[in-house]
Amino acid sequence: MSASTSVEPIHTDLLINGEEVHAGDRQPVHNPAAPDEIVGYISAATVDQATAAVDAAAGAWPMWSAMAPTKRAEVLTTALRGLDQTEARAALLTRENGKILQEAKTELGVFVSRCQLAAALADQLGRTEDLPVPSAPEAAEAPTPSLPPFRSRVNALPVGVTTIIVPYNWPLAILAASLPYALVAGNPVIVKPPPTSPLAVVETLRLLARGLPPGVLNVVTGDNESVAPVSEDRRVQKIVFTGSTSAGQYMMTTAAKNLTRVTLELGGNDPAVVLDDATLDQDALQRLVTGSFLTTGQVCMGIKRLYVHRSRYAEVVDGMSEILSRYRIGNGLDADISMGPLNNAQQRDKVRQLCDEARSAGHEVRELGTIDPDAQSAGGYFLPATVVLDPAPDSKIVTTEQFGPALPIAPFDDENALIDQLNDEWAGLCSSVWSADPERAADAADRLRTGTVWINNHNAVAQDDRAPFGGFRQSGIGRELGVDGLLDFTEPHTVTYSVPGETGAQS
């Protein structure tokens, strides 16, 4: 029996300069498991209100950037205490996003833990690197180099007002890969939540902002045209965007108008490579399934293509098919649901078309799992867990990031040729190598040119949040998380002193 959806819609407002601001227009947010249900309404900002959010962030900049990094971290950590209650927000996230409730609860926990990790790195800021005048060579016969008569000090200063644009799939977890790092580095932030899954983001940030000075954290919802100032205003010094490669290209074009700095985490189409010596017990097969179908396949770092050595191909296909055949697909609030709906009809239709094209081309398409009848009758955006067997290398199900519950599985014979092929493709976000030999796996991982390579695991369940995350090639620019992610929100600032008694070279 499908979970009850008789919950009153919530209404969220803009957050500008520490105040909740009403907008004249509101936009509905629908439940992807039951599209006729309105989960809530968001305020649709006007251009003037979006500009006011930039005003607020710019106004907070002198105070926040001047505060010691460790003090900013202390303020952020204290503000997190308002996020202890998660049950209602987790259910809200499931109802607007579609993911199963346990994933929603995990995501809220990830938001807090990533904020804590960022705060713990505050002592990496405030340090200076001194570049002293070098000493002359000791050997008399050695040629004397032209020594600079300068001493320089290099600081890491906050970059400025930052806008973060969030996707719908893991909105809070992805936001926490950048928001706390921007704040700890000294940058006031404007957040633009995703239009189809904004409510839990707004509610979480509303609670967090209570513990932050006014203007340090602002939230603007609405259509792209009306909120354009948050990315186009010249006072915005950095944009963080997570989404598709095509949308990232558009965002980079927008940023170029003001030479605004960008961090772009874009499409993945991530490959997993199962070598001939891989351990393929039940646990390993479950990790392959989870790596591929977590959040209904809507994870940028998830497995989008599975390459298996021909000698192990049937073993992997049959083992994963057996697990997926037990999947129960339905409303994410229901008990014992393995996989929820896709977030929106457009994405469902895209994935379904990719599978239909593969089937029409003569490839075997296995639709696995059972869609709950009650959920199906509600008209949700459900698809079965699908595997496409041995598709042509140039078929769209292989070359396109599906971002849904459809996994192409292809055999290979030559490991080296496959790695060369993968390194020459457009995507380079994540990949994985599966082998029982640690040295062999490490060698293959070192040769795969993706931002992250996992060994014997894949997807968010294996993410090390202490390490930098980002993509090669068209999968992105810049890094989030870790020390690298923190420093991405700063700029090197050089102060150079002339050394008395020395004369610099004339240009």
Protein backbone atom coordinates (compact mmCIF):
# COMPACT_ATOMS: atom_id res chain seq x y z
CA MET A 1 0.00 0.00 0.00
CA SER A 2 1.43 3.37 -1.00
CA ALA A 3 2.23 5.88 1.74
CA SER A 4 -0.35 8.55 2.44
CA THR A 5 0.25 11.86 0.74
CA SER A 6 -2.36 13.86 2.67
CA VAL A 7 0.18 16.36 3.99
CA GLU A 8 -0.54 20.06 3.76
CA PRO A 9 1.73 21.87 1.26
CA ILE A 10 4.38 24.05 2.84
CA HIS A 11 5.30 27.56 1.72
CA THR A 12 8.86 28.79 1.65
CA ASP A 13 10.14 32.35 1.30
CA LEU A 14 13.31 33.99 0.09
CA LEU A 15 16.07 34.59 2.60
CA ILE A 16 17.71 37.98 2.16
CA ASN A 17 19.93 39.76 4.67
CA GLY A 18 18.80 37.52 7.52
CA GLU A 19 15.08 38.00 6.88
CA GLU A 20 12.43 35.80 5.29
CA VAL A 21 11.05 37.76 2.36
CA HIS A 22 7.70 37.08 0.69
CA ALA A 23 7.38 37.21 -3.07
CA GLY A 24 4.23 38.13 -4.91
CA ASP A 25 4.26 35.01 -7.05
CA ARG A 26 4.65 31.41 -5.94
CA GLN A 27 5.57 28.29 -7.88
CA PRO A 28 4.31 24.79 -7.01
CA VAL A 29 6.59 21.83 -6.33
CA HIS A 30 5.10 18.45 -7.25
CA ASN A 31 5.71 14.94 -5.90
CA PRO A 32 7.39 12.83 -8.62
CA ALA A 33 5.80 9.70 -7.11
CA ALA A 34 2.34 11.27 -7.46
CA PRO A 35 2.58 14.28 -9.77
CA ASP A 36 -0.90 15.56 -8.98
CA GLU A 37 0.18 16.16 -5.39
CA ILE A 38 1.62 19.59 -4.60
CA VAL A 39 4.28 19.21 -1.92
CA GLY A 40 4.74 22.93 -1.44
CA TYR A 41 5.15 26.36 -2.95
CA ILE A 42 8.31 28.43 -3.31
CA SER A 43 8.50 32.18 -3.56
CA ALA A 44 9.31 33.32 -7.09
CA ALA A 45 11.80 36.14 -6.74
CA THR A 46 11.66 39.28 -8.83
CA VAL A 47 14.76 40.76 -10.45
CA ASP A 48 14.80 43.43 -7.73
CA GLN A 49 14.68 40.80 -5.00
CA ALA A 50 17.52 38.84 -6.60
CA THR A 51 19.52 42.06 -6.76
CA ALA A 52 18.71 42.67 -3.09
CA ALA A 53 20.27 39.29 -2.28
CA VAL A 54 23.47 40.40 -4.01
CA ASP A 55 23.28 43.71 -2.11
CA ALA A 56 23.00 41.79 1.16
CA ALA A 57 25.96 39.53 0.41
CA ALA A 58 28.07 42.47 -0.72
CA GLY A 59 27.09 44.33 2.45
CA ALA A 60 28.17 41.40 4.63
CA TRP A 61 31.48 41.02 2.80
CA PRO A 62 33.65 43.51 4.78
CA MET A 63 32.69 42.06 8.15
CA TRP A 64 32.73 38.37 7.21
CA SER A 65 35.94 38.44 5.17
CA ALA A 66 37.78 40.30 7.93
CA MET A 67 36.83 37.76 10.60
CA ALA A 68 39.49 35.21 11.52
CA PRO A 69 38.97 31.85 9.73
CA THR A 70 38.79 29.95 13.00
CA LYS A 71 36.13 32.37 14.25
CA ARG A 72 34.09 31.87 11.07
CA ALA A 73 34.37 28.12 11.58
CA GLU A 74 33.19 28.51 15.16
CA VAL A 75 30.15 30.53 14.03
CA LEU A 76 29.28 27.90 11.40
CA THR A 77 29.65 25.02 13.84
CA THR A 78 27.39 26.73 16.36
CA ALA A 79 24.79 27.41 13.64
CA LEU A 80 24.65 23.68 12.84
CA ARG A 81 23.02 23.01 16.22
CA GLY A 82 19.74 24.16 14.76
CA LEU A 83 19.72 21.21 12.36
CA ASP A 84 19.29 18.43 14.92
CA GLN A 85 15.70 17.57 13.99
CA THR A 86 15.71 15.80 10.63
CA GLU A 87 12.60 13.60 10.38
CA ALA A 88 10.27 16.18 8.85
CA ARG A 89 12.90 17.54 6.46
CA ALA A 90 13.87 14.03 5.33
CA ALA A 91 10.24 13.21 4.52
CA LEU A 92 9.93 16.54 2.72
CA LEU A 93 13.02 15.77 0.63
CA THR A 94 11.63 12.36 -0.32
CA ARG A 95 8.28 13.82 -1.32
CA GLU A 96 9.77 16.52 -3.58
CA ASN A 97 12.74 14.55 -4.92
CA GLY A 98 11.47 10.95 -5.11
CA LYS A 99 14.43 9.24 -3.44
CA ILE A 100 13.78 6.64 -0.77
CA LEU A 101 13.49 7.89 2.80
CA GLN A 102 16.73 6.29 4.01
CA GLU A 103 18.68 8.13 1.31
CA ALA A 104 17.01 11.40 2.35
CA LYS A 105 18.02 10.84 5.97
CA THR A 106 21.56 10.04 4.88
CA GLU A 107 21.69 13.22 2.82
CA LEU A 108 20.75 15.41 5.77
CA GLY A 109 23.53 13.77 7.76
CA VAL A 110 26.01 14.37 4.94
CA PHE A 111 25.12 18.06 4.92
CA VAL A 112 26.08 18.41 8.58
CA SER A 113 29.20 16.24 8.39
CA ARG A 114 30.55 18.14 5.37
CA CYS A 115 30.01 21.43 7.19
CA GLN A 116 31.94 20.04 10.15
CA LEU A 117 34.78 18.86 7.92
CA ALA A 118 35.03 22.30 6.32
CA ALA A 119 35.10 23.98 9.73
CA ALA A 120 37.91 21.67 10.83
CA LEU A 121 40.08 22.95 7.96
CA ALA A 122 39.94 26.59 9.07
CA ASP A 123 43.51 26.47 10.34
CA GLN A 124 44.66 25.88 6.75
CA LEU A 125 43.77 29.53 6.15
CA GLY A 126 45.37 32.55 7.75
CA ARG A 127 48.81 31.10 7.08
CA THR A 128 51.34 33.03 5.02
CA GLU A 129 54.11 31.71 2.82
CA ASP A 130 57.29 33.77 3.10
CA LEU A 131 59.62 33.96 0.12
CA PRO A 132 62.94 35.26 1.52
CA VAL A 133 65.82 36.67 -0.50
CA PRO A 134 67.83 33.62 -1.64
CA SER A 135 71.41 33.23 -0.46
CA ALA A 136 74.30 33.58 -2.92
CA PRO A 137 76.06 30.36 -4.02
CA GLU A 138 78.89 29.31 -1.73
CA ALA A 139 81.27 28.06 -4.43
CA ALA A 140 83.37 30.97 -5.70
CA GLU A 141 83.71 29.43 -9.14
CA ALA A 142 79.94 29.05 -9.58
CA PRO A 143 78.27 31.69 -11.77
CA THR A 144 76.39 34.21 -9.67
CA PRO A 145 72.72 34.28 -10.57
CA SER A 146 70.73 37.48 -10.71
CA LEU A 147 69.11 37.46 -7.27
CA PRO A 148 65.87 39.34 -6.77
CA PRO A 149 66.34 42.08 -4.14
CA PHE A 150 62.85 41.37 -2.77
CA ARG A 151 61.13 39.53 -0.01
CA SER A 152 57.54 38.44 -0.68
CA ARG A 153 54.69 37.27 1.50
CA VAL A 154 51.81 35.28 -0.07
CA ASN A 155 48.38 35.17 1.62
CA ALA A 156 45.17 33.34 0.72
CA LEU A 157 42.32 35.88 0.70
CA PRO A 158 38.60 35.15 0.23
CA VAL A 159 37.46 35.55 -3.35
CA GLY A 160 34.25 37.52 -2.71
CA VAL A 161 30.49 37.17 -3.06
CA THR A 162 29.75 33.62 -4.21
CA THR A 163 26.66 32.15 -5.87
CA ILE A 164 26.00 28.41 -5.61
CA ILE A 165 23.52 26.83 -8.03
CA VAL A 166 22.30 23.44 -6.83
CA PRO A 167 20.97 20.38 -8.77
CA TYR A 168 17.93 18.32 -7.82
CA ASN A 169 19.41 14.87 -7.25
CA TRP A 170 21.34 15.26 -3.96
CA PRO A 171 20.74 18.97 -3.41
CA LEU A 172 21.82 19.26 0.22
CA ALA A 173 24.82 16.95 -0.01
CA ILE A 174 26.08 18.65 -3.15
CA LEU A 175 25.47 22.09 -1.65
CA ALA A 176 27.56 21.07 1.37
CA ALA A 177 30.50 20.29 -0.91
CA SER A 178 30.85 24.03 -1.48
CA LEU A 179 28.71 26.16 0.90
CA PRO A 180 30.62 25.55 4.15
CA TYR A 181 33.96 25.85 2.35
CA ALA A 182 32.93 29.19 0.87
CA LEU A 183 31.78 30.41 4.29
CA VAL A 184 34.88 29.26 6.18
CA ALA A 185 37.07 30.88 3.51
CA GLY A 186 35.31 34.21 4.19
CA ASN A 187 32.82 34.53 1.34
CA PRO A 188 29.15 35.56 1.74
CA VAL A 189 26.95 33.22 -0.29
CA ILE A 190 23.77 33.29 -2.35
CA VAL A 191 22.16 29.88 -2.92
CA LYS A 192 19.88 29.13 -5.87
CA PRO A 193 18.03 25.85 -5.06
CA PRO A 194 16.82 23.51 -7.82
CA PRO A 195 13.30 24.32 -9.09
CA THR A 196 12.00 20.72 -8.83
CA SER A 197 13.50 19.94 -5.41
CA PRO A 198 13.96 23.20 -3.49
CA LEU A 199 11.90 22.86 -0.32
CA ALA A 200 14.20 20.87 1.98
CA VAL A 201 17.11 23.06 0.87
CA VAL A 202 15.26 26.25 1.77
CA GLU A 203 14.08 24.84 5.09
CA THR A 204 17.58 23.65 6.02
CA LEU A 205 19.24 26.95 5.08
CA ARG A 206 16.56 28.91 6.92
CA LEU A 207 17.53 27.07 10.10
CA LEU A 208 21.26 27.42 9.45
CA ALA A 209 21.03 31.14 8.68
CA ARG A 210 19.59 31.83 12.14
CA GLY A 211 23.06 31.30 13.53
CA LEU A 212 24.91 33.38 10.92
CA PRO A 213 25.26 37.17 10.63
CA PRO A 214 22.72 38.82 8.31
CA GLY A 215 23.71 38.74 4.64
CA VAL A 216 26.27 35.96 5.00
CA LEU A 217 23.80 33.36 3.69
CA ASN A 218 21.02 34.30 1.26
CA VAL A 219 18.57 32.05 -0.61
CA VAL A 220 16.77 32.97 -3.82
CA THR A 221 14.20 30.81 -5.62
CA GLY A 222 12.40 31.43 -8.89
CA ASP A 223 12.82 31.22 -12.64
CA ASN A 224 16.20 31.70 -14.28
CA GLU A 225 15.36 35.02 -15.91
CA SER A 226 14.20 36.66 -12.69
CA VAL A 227 17.13 35.45 -10.59
CA ALA A 228 19.73 36.29 -13.25
CA PRO A 229 21.42 38.95 -11.06
CA VAL A 230 22.78 36.25 -8.74
CA SER A 231 25.02 35.06 -11.58
CA GLU A 232 25.31 38.16 -13.78
CA ASP A 233 25.88 40.98 -11.28
CA ARG A 234 29.50 42.13 -11.49
CA ARG A 235 29.79 42.00 -7.69
CA VAL A 236 29.47 38.20 -7.79
CA GLN A 237 33.07 37.01 -7.87
CA LYS A 238 32.55 33.25 -8.03
CA ILE A 239 29.88 30.86 -9.31
CA VAL A 240 29.64 27.22 -8.27
CA PHE A 241 27.43 25.17 -10.57
CA THR A 242 26.58 21.47 -10.57
CA GLY A 243 24.64 20.03 -13.48
CA SER A 244 24.90 18.76 -17.03
CA THR A 245 27.85 19.56 -19.28
CA SER A 246 25.66 21.57 -21.66
CA ALA A 247 24.26 23.66 -18.80
CA GLY A 248 27.79 24.13 -17.48
CA GLN A 249 28.92 25.46 -20.85
CA TYR A 250 26.09 28.00 -20.73
CA MET A 251 27.04 28.98 -17.17
CA MET A 252 30.67 29.44 -18.19
CA THR A 253 29.56 31.71 -21.04
CA THR A 254 27.52 33.74 -18.56
CA ALA A 255 30.46 33.98 -16.17
CA ALA A 256 32.78 35.11 -18.97
CA LYS A 257 30.93 38.43 -19.28
CA ASN A 258 32.40 39.60 -15.97
CA LEU A 259 35.34 37.16 -15.90
CA THR A 260 33.68 35.60 -12.88
CA ARG A 261 35.54 32.63 -11.46
CA VAL A 262 33.76 29.28 -11.72
CA THR A 263 33.75 25.84 -10.20
CA LEU A 264 31.80 23.49 -12.45
CA GLU A 265 30.92 19.92 -11.49
CA LEU A 266 29.38 18.51 -14.65
CA GLY A 267 28.27 15.33 -16.41
CA GLY A 268 30.03 12.09 -15.67
CA ASN A 269 29.03 9.09 -17.81
CA ASP A 270 31.28 7.21 -15.41
CA PRO A 271 32.72 3.81 -16.40
CA ALA A 272 33.35 0.87 -14.09
CA VAL A 273 35.92 -1.66 -15.29
CA VAL A 274 35.69 -5.23 -13.96
CA LEU A 275 38.95 -7.10 -14.62
CA ASP A 276 39.21 -10.84 -15.14
CA ASP A 277 40.49 -11.49 -11.60
CA ALA A 278 37.77 -9.50 -9.80
CA THR A 279 36.09 -10.93 -6.71
CA LEU A 280 32.44 -11.29 -7.62
CA ASP A 281 30.79 -12.56 -4.50
CA GLN A 282 27.35 -11.36 -3.38
CA ASP A 283 28.79 -8.34 -1.61
CA ALA A 284 30.71 -7.22 -4.69
CA LEU A 285 27.69 -7.69 -6.94
CA GLN A 286 25.58 -5.64 -4.51
CA ARG A 287 28.19 -2.86 -4.62
CA LEU A 288 27.97 -2.86 -8.41
CA VAL A 289 24.17 -2.63 -8.22
CA THR A 290 24.25 0.16 -5.63
CA GLY A 291 26.93 1.99 -7.59
CA SER A 292 24.68 1.95 -10.63
CA PHE A 293 21.14 2.39 -9.26
CA LEU A 294 21.52 4.55 -6.15
CA THR A 295 18.91 7.36 -6.23
CA THR A 296 17.31 5.74 -9.31
CA GLY A 297 20.57 6.21 -11.20
CA GLN A 298 20.45 9.98 -10.72
CA VAL A 299 23.91 10.51 -9.23
CA CYS A 300 26.63 12.33 -11.16
CA MET A 301 29.32 10.03 -9.76
CA GLY A 302 27.35 6.81 -10.25
CA ILE A 303 28.22 4.00 -12.66
CA LYS A 304 26.78 4.90 -16.06
CA ARG A 305 28.57 2.19 -18.05
CA LEU A 306 29.84 -1.19 -16.88
CA TYR A 307 32.69 -2.86 -18.77
CA VAL A 308 33.35 -6.48 -17.80
CA HIS A 309 36.13 -8.77 -19.01
CA ARG A 310 34.55 -11.25 -21.38
CA SER A 311 35.54 -14.19 -19.17
CA ARG A 312 33.39 -12.79 -16.31
CA TYR A 313 30.64 -11.14 -18.34
CA ALA A 314 27.86 -13.71 -17.88
CA GLU A 315 28.66 -13.95 -14.17
CA VAL A 316 28.20 -10.22 -13.68
CA VAL A 317 25.09 -9.92 -15.84
CA ASP A 318 23.33 -12.85 -14.18
CA GLY A 319 24.39 -11.86 -10.68
CA MET A 320 23.25 -8.25 -11.00
CA SER A 321 20.03 -9.29 -12.75
CA GLU A 322 19.19 -11.61 -9.86
CA ILE A 323 19.60 -8.78 -7.33
CA LEU A 324 17.66 -6.29 -9.43
CA SER A 325 14.82 -8.75 -9.99
CA ARG A 326 14.06 -8.40 -6.27
CA TYR A 327 13.88 -4.60 -6.44
CA ARG A 328 10.61 -3.06 -5.33
CA ILE A 329 10.01 0.29 -7.02
CA GLY A 330 7.56 2.81 -5.63
CA ASN A 331 6.92 5.76 -3.35
CA GLY A 332 10.08 6.51 -1.38
CA LEU A 333 8.11 6.93 1.85
CA ASP A 334 6.87 3.34 1.73
CA ALA A 335 8.69 0.62 3.68
CA ASP A 336 10.91 -1.84 1.83
CA ILE A 337 11.13 0.26 -1.34
CA SER A 338 14.41 -0.24 -3.19
CA MET A 339 14.11 2.59 -5.69
CA GLY A 340 11.84 5.60 -6.15
CA PRO A 341 10.72 7.49 -9.26
CA LEU A 342 12.83 9.73 -11.42
CA ASN A 343 12.60 13.33 -10.36
CA ASN A 344 10.75 14.66 -13.40
CA ALA A 345 8.90 13.55 -16.51
CA GLN A 346 11.52 14.95 -18.89
CA GLN A 347 14.26 12.79 -17.40
CA ARG A 348 12.02 9.72 -17.34
CA ASP A 349 11.20 10.19 -21.01
CA LYS A 350 14.88 10.64 -21.93
CA VAL A 351 15.89 7.40 -20.21
CA ARG A 352 12.97 5.49 -21.68
CA GLN A 353 13.87 6.71 -25.17
CA LEU A 354 17.49 5.59 -24.78
CA CYS A 355 16.29 2.10 -23.81
CA ASP A 356 13.79 1.99 -26.69
CA GLU A 357 16.49 2.95 -29.17
CA ALA A 358 18.78 0.20 -27.86
CA ARG A 359 15.95 -2.33 -28.12
CA SER A 360 15.15 -1.22 -31.68
CA ALA A 361 18.81 -1.70 -32.60
CA GLY A 362 18.55 -5.36 -31.58
CA HIS A 363 20.23 -5.20 -28.18
CA GLU A 364 18.84 -7.20 -25.28
CA VAL A 365 17.11 -4.93 -22.75
CA ARG A 366 16.18 -6.48 -19.40
CA GLU A 367 13.59 -4.66 -17.31
CA LEU A 368 13.91 -5.85 -13.73
CA GLY A 369 12.13 -5.31 -10.44
CA THR A 370 8.47 -4.75 -9.65
CA ILE A 371 6.74 -1.38 -9.69
CA ASP A 372 4.26 -1.12 -6.82
CA PRO A 373 0.72 -1.10 -8.32
CA ASP A 374 -0.50 1.69 -6.03
CA ALA A 375 2.48 3.84 -6.94
CA GLN A 376 2.00 3.09 -10.61
CA SER A 377 -1.65 4.12 -10.45
CA ALA A 378 -0.62 7.50 -8.98
CA GLY A 379 1.07 8.30 -12.29
CA GLY A 380 4.58 8.69 -10.87
CA TYR A 381 7.71 8.91 -12.98
CA PHE A 382 8.67 5.28 -12.44
CA LEU A 383 10.87 3.08 -14.59
CA PRO A 384 12.06 -0.46 -13.94
CA ALA A 385 15.70 -1.16 -13.14
CA THR A 386 17.05 -1.81 -16.62
CA VAL A 387 20.23 -3.33 -18.02
CA VAL A 388 21.17 -3.11 -21.71
CA LEU A 389 23.43 -5.97 -22.77
CA ASP A 390 26.38 -5.63 -25.13
CA PRO A 391 25.24 -2.43 -26.84
CA ALA A 392 27.17 -0.98 -29.77
CA PRO A 393 29.95 1.34 -28.58
CA ASP A 394 28.44 4.28 -30.47
CA SER A 395 24.86 3.79 -29.26
CA LYS A 396 23.38 6.65 -27.27
CA ILE A 397 22.83 4.48 -24.19
CA VAL A 398 26.66 4.25 -24.05
CA THR A 399 27.79 7.68 -25.20
CA THR A 400 25.12 9.69 -23.35
CA GLU A 401 24.94 10.07 -19.59
CA GLN A 402 21.56 8.44 -18.95
CA PHE A 403 21.08 9.82 -15.42
CA GLY A 404 18.47 7.20 -14.68
CA PRO A 405 17.97 3.49 -13.92
CA ALA A 406 19.37 2.14 -17.20
CA LEU A 407 22.81 0.55 -17.27
CA PRO A 408 24.67 -0.61 -20.39
CA ILE A 409 26.91 -3.63 -19.67
CA ALA A 410 29.54 -4.43 -22.29
CA PRO A 411 32.27 -7.09 -22.50
CA PHE A 412 35.90 -6.23 -23.25
CA ASP A 413 39.02 -8.23 -24.05
CA ASP A 414 41.96 -5.82 -23.79
CA GLU A 415 42.28 -3.82 -20.57
CA ASN A 416 44.87 -1.41 -21.96
CA ALA A 417 42.88 -0.64 -25.09
CA LEU A 418 39.79 0.02 -22.99
CA ILE A 419 41.62 2.45 -20.70
CA ASP A 420 43.03 4.32 -23.71
CA GLN A 421 39.52 4.56 -25.15
CA LEU A 422 38.04 5.86 -21.91
CA ASN A 423 40.78 8.47 -21.52
CA ASP A 424 39.98 9.82 -24.99
CA GLU A 425 36.28 10.44 -24.30
CA TRP A 426 34.48 13.63 -23.33
CA ALA A 427 33.72 12.64 -19.74
CA GLY A 428 36.19 12.39 -16.88
CA LEU A 429 34.39 12.73 -13.57
CA CYS A 430 34.71 9.32 -11.87
CA SER A 431 35.53 5.70 -12.66
CA SER A 432 36.26 2.47 -10.83
CA VAL A 433 38.44 -0.62 -11.17
CA TRP A 434 37.43 -4.02 -9.81
CA SER A 435 40.21 -6.52 -9.15
CA ALA A 436 41.37 -8.91 -6.43
CA ASP A 437 44.98 -7.79 -7.00
CA PRO A 438 45.64 -4.47 -5.19
CA GLU A 439 48.73 -3.65 -7.27
CA ARG A 440 47.03 -4.39 -10.56
CA ALA A 441 44.00 -2.35 -9.53
CA ALA A 442 46.20 0.56 -8.44
CA ASP A 443 48.10 0.48 -11.74
CA ALA A 444 44.87 0.65 -13.74
CA ALA A 445 43.50 3.38 -11.45
CA ASP A 446 46.63 5.49 -11.92
CA ARG A 447 46.16 5.32 -15.69
CA LEU A 448 42.48 6.29 -15.71
CA ARG A 449 42.19 10.04 -16.18
CA THR A 450 39.12 10.85 -14.11
CA GLY A 451 38.88 13.10 -11.08
CA THR A 452 38.18 10.16 -8.78
CA VAL A 453 38.93 6.47 -9.30
CA TRP A 454 37.55 3.95 -6.82
CA ILE A 455 38.84 0.42 -6.35
CA ASN A 456 36.21 -2.29 -5.79
CA ASN A 457 33.50 0.26 -5.06
CA HIS A 458 31.76 3.19 -6.74
CA ASN A 459 29.39 6.11 -6.15
CA ALA A 460 28.59 8.32 -3.16
CA VAL A 461 28.70 5.39 -0.73
CA ALA A 462 32.48 5.30 -1.32
CA GLN A 463 33.14 9.05 -1.35
CA ASP A 464 36.03 10.22 0.85
CA ASP A 465 34.97 13.74 1.79
CA ARG A 466 38.49 14.61 2.95
CA ALA A 467 39.74 14.39 -0.64
CA PRO A 468 39.17 16.86 -3.50
CA PHE A 469 36.34 16.10 -5.92
CA GLY A 470 35.90 17.27 -9.51
CA GLY A 471 36.27 16.23 -13.11
CA PHE A 472 38.68 16.11 -16.02
CA ARG A 473 37.87 17.27 -19.55
CA GLN A 474 34.19 18.21 -20.05
CA SER A 475 33.25 16.90 -16.60
CA GLY A 476 34.19 20.11 -14.90
CA ILE A 477 36.56 22.81 -13.73
CA GLY A 478 37.93 23.24 -10.22
CA ARG A 479 37.62 21.08 -7.13
CA GLU A 480 35.28 20.79 -4.16
CA LEU A 481 35.90 19.22 -0.73
CA GLY A 482 39.16 18.90 1.17
CA VAL A 483 41.90 21.50 1.41
CA ASP A 484 41.81 21.99 -2.37
CA GLY A 485 38.10 22.74 -2.19
CA LEU A 486 38.69 25.28 0.58
CA LEU A 487 41.50 27.04 -1.28
CA ASP A 488 39.31 27.18 -4.40
CA PHE A 489 37.36 29.88 -2.55
CA THR A 490 40.48 32.00 -2.04
CA GLU A 491 42.91 33.94 -4.19
CA PRO A 492 46.68 34.18 -3.72
CA HIS A 493 47.60 37.69 -2.63
CA THR A 494 51.24 38.72 -2.87
CA VAL A 495 52.90 41.49 -0.84
CA THR A 496 56.46 42.22 -1.96
CA TYR A 497 59.05 44.24 -0.02
CA SER A 498 62.19 45.77 -1.50
CA VAL A 499 65.28 44.78 0.46
CA PRO A 500 67.28 47.86 1.61
CA GLY A 501 70.63 48.24 -0.09
CA GLU A 502 69.72 46.14 -3.10
CA THR A 503 68.86 47.31 -6.57
CA GLY A 504 66.47 45.40 -8.78
CA ALA A 505 67.04 44.78 -12.44
CA GLN A 506 65.63 47.47 -14.68
CA SER A 507 63.13 46.35 -17.27
